[in-house]
């Protein structure tokens, strides 16, 4: 009974992984069927409607159905137990928002039509809601498991899953090198989003952060910030990475939470 598989949280995590496995395998293939390569899927209204909305829409419905069927939907969206993360880690969502605002300021708004902006905003909101439900929701809830739980374990496991979720992008037209970089990048982003969820005690903050990040990324894709704003962005990114490193080391040194999360049926 001392094996890892015998631990309640390990069984719960295995259940979450099996729940998400079809999404990680089948939905990239669905994206492949749309005929829109990853690198251009948000370049215009038609590509967003054909290459993003169907794939993300199906994935979102799948995630909602899984969470509801497992009786995890309510605790995922309920107010979470208090976090012991230091309050100054609110700088993470603050820096994140600052980087997004710089991108938005640098975006060529006169070249966009209103339809594209609205469709992109809705699609990126769907992406944010979908991926946060899957990873800061289902995977994180599974990694916690019933009984006392480890903040570090939950954070690192859900972030690793989030990173690996981007690996199948090679199936929809992205080169292997950029995909591997995206996996690493997404892992770090996952830690930042998890911390933001825990300090706010709500999954809705990372949903908003995720949607804003993706939206600003695509609007500024062909117009990077000028020298001054690029420097500010670099400073904000460095501060964020240092905070992520601190939070990771800090959480690894903490004992398990003495808060029991009810087990699912």
Foldseek 3Di string as FASTA:
>chain_A
DPDPCPDQLNVLLVVLCVLCVCLLPPLLVVLQVLVAFPVCQLVFLVSVVRRQCVSLVVLQVSLVVVCVVQVQVVVLADQADADPPDPVLVLLLVLLVLLLVLLVVQFPVVVDDPSSLVSLLVRLLSVLSNLLCSQVGSNLDSNQGFFWGALLSSQQRSLLVQLVSQCSSVSRHDDNVVSNVSSVVSSLVSNSLNVVCNNRSGSVSSSVSRSSNVSSCNRNVPGDGDPVSVVSNVVSVVVNSVSSVVSNVVSVPDDTDRDGDDHTD
